[in-house]
Amino acid sequence: MVQGERAFYDAIVNQKLDSLKLLLRHNYDLDMPCKLDYDGSGGKAPVRVAVDRDLADIQRLLARLGYVLALPGGPPTTNPEMTMGHTL
């Protein structure tokens, strides 16, 4: 397991915005899966975890950094609310 990924996943699912901001300030790689599959391969990206769990505050934070989830068969959502949120 890559060091820090469990902390990032826990911060997402427990909606700890201050912890997420701290990890992001220290250059957490948002392209790295934050939750691995059971066999240790693949995994879910942070934005996928936030969308799957319907965590709007986390989605807004990630959207401000340019991470949005494209829907199959269509463009990414352009909800103006997705760009508002807390500042880092």
Protein backbone atom coordinates (compact mmCIF):
# COMPACT_ATOMS: atom_id res chain seq x y z
CA MET A 1 0.00 0.00 0.00
CA VAL A 2 1.25 3.49 -0.83
CA GLN A 3 1.89 5.61 2.23
CA GLY A 4 -0.90 8.11 2.88
CA GLU A 5 -3.63 6.65 0.74
CA ARG A 6 -5.62 5.28 3.65
CA ALA A 7 -5.47 8.66 5.40
CA PHE A 8 -6.80 10.38 2.28
CA TYR A 9 -9.61 7.85 1.87
CA ASP A 10 -10.58 8.18 5.53
CA ALA A 11 -10.55 11.97 5.25
CA ILE A 12 -12.91 11.77 2.25
CA VAL A 13 -15.45 9.35 3.70
CA ASN A 14 -15.45 11.11 7.08
CA GLN A 15 -15.67 14.52 5.35
CA LYS A 16 -12.64 15.96 7.14
CA LEU A 17 -12.08 18.99 4.93
CA ASP A 18 -9.23 20.35 7.05
CA SER A 19 -7.36 17.03 6.77
CA LEU A 20 -7.93 16.91 3.00
CA LYS A 21 -6.65 20.46 2.60
CA LEU A 22 -3.56 19.62 4.63
CA LEU A 23 -2.80 16.55 2.50
CA LEU A 24 -3.38 18.58 -0.68
CA ARG A 25 -1.03 21.33 0.53
CA HIS A 26 1.62 18.64 0.84
CA ASN A 27 1.11 17.59 -2.79
CA TYR A 28 -1.03 14.48 -2.42
CA ASP A 29 -1.26 12.89 -5.88
CA LEU A 30 -4.97 13.02 -6.83
CA ASP A 31 -4.35 10.64 -9.73
CA MET A 32 -3.33 7.91 -7.28
CA PRO A 33 -6.17 5.64 -6.14
CA CYS A 34 -7.11 6.34 -2.54
CA LYS A 35 -8.89 3.00 -2.11
CA LEU A 36 -7.33 -0.11 -3.57
CA ASP A 37 -9.22 -3.20 -4.69
CA TYR A 38 -9.11 -6.20 -2.36
CA ASP A 39 -6.23 -7.78 -4.27
CA GLY A 40 -4.16 -4.57 -3.99
CA SER A 41 -4.53 -3.61 -7.65
CA GLY A 42 -6.48 -0.87 -9.36
CA GLY A 43 -8.68 1.10 -7.07
CA LYS A 44 -10.82 4.21 -6.92
CA ALA A 45 -9.70 7.76 -7.50
CA PRO A 46 -10.64 10.32 -4.83
CA VAL A 47 -13.24 11.99 -7.05
CA ARG A 48 -14.92 8.60 -7.71
CA VAL A 49 -15.15 7.92 -3.95
CA ALA A 50 -16.70 11.37 -3.37
CA VAL A 51 -19.25 10.88 -6.17
CA ASP A 52 -20.13 7.31 -5.17
CA ARG A 53 -20.82 8.47 -1.61
CA ASP A 54 -22.57 11.70 -2.74
CA LEU A 55 -20.24 13.94 -0.71
CA ALA A 56 -20.98 17.38 -2.14
CA ASP A 57 -18.43 19.34 -0.07
CA ILE A 58 -15.63 16.99 -1.12
CA GLN A 59 -16.78 17.07 -4.76
CA ARG A 60 -16.70 20.89 -4.72
CA LEU A 61 -13.21 20.91 -3.21
CA LEU A 62 -11.90 18.49 -5.84
CA ALA A 63 -13.72 20.36 -8.65
CA ARG A 64 -11.95 23.57 -7.63
CA LEU A 65 -8.69 21.71 -8.26
CA GLY A 66 -9.89 20.54 -11.70
CA TYR A 67 -11.00 17.04 -10.74
CA VAL A 68 -14.51 16.26 -11.94
CA LEU A 69 -16.05 12.97 -12.95
CA ALA A 70 -17.15 12.64 -16.57
CA LEU A 71 -20.43 10.80 -16.93
CA PRO A 72 -20.51 7.89 -19.42
CA GLY A 73 -21.90 9.02 -22.75
CA GLY A 74 -21.77 12.72 -21.94
CA PRO A 75 -19.63 15.68 -20.97
CA PRO A 76 -18.65 16.39 -17.37
CA THR A 77 -21.29 18.18 -15.36
CA THR A 78 -21.12 21.95 -15.53
CA ASN A 79 -23.08 22.65 -12.38
CA PRO A 80 -22.01 26.15 -11.23
CA GLU A 81 -22.31 25.02 -7.62
CA MET A 82 -19.47 22.55 -8.22
CA THR A 83 -17.00 25.46 -8.41
CA MET A 84 -17.95 27.04 -5.08
CA GLY A 85 -16.45 25.83 -1.84
CA HIS A 86 -13.82 26.32 0.79
CA THR A 87 -10.46 27.78 -0.13
CA LEU A 88 -7.21 25.97 0.45
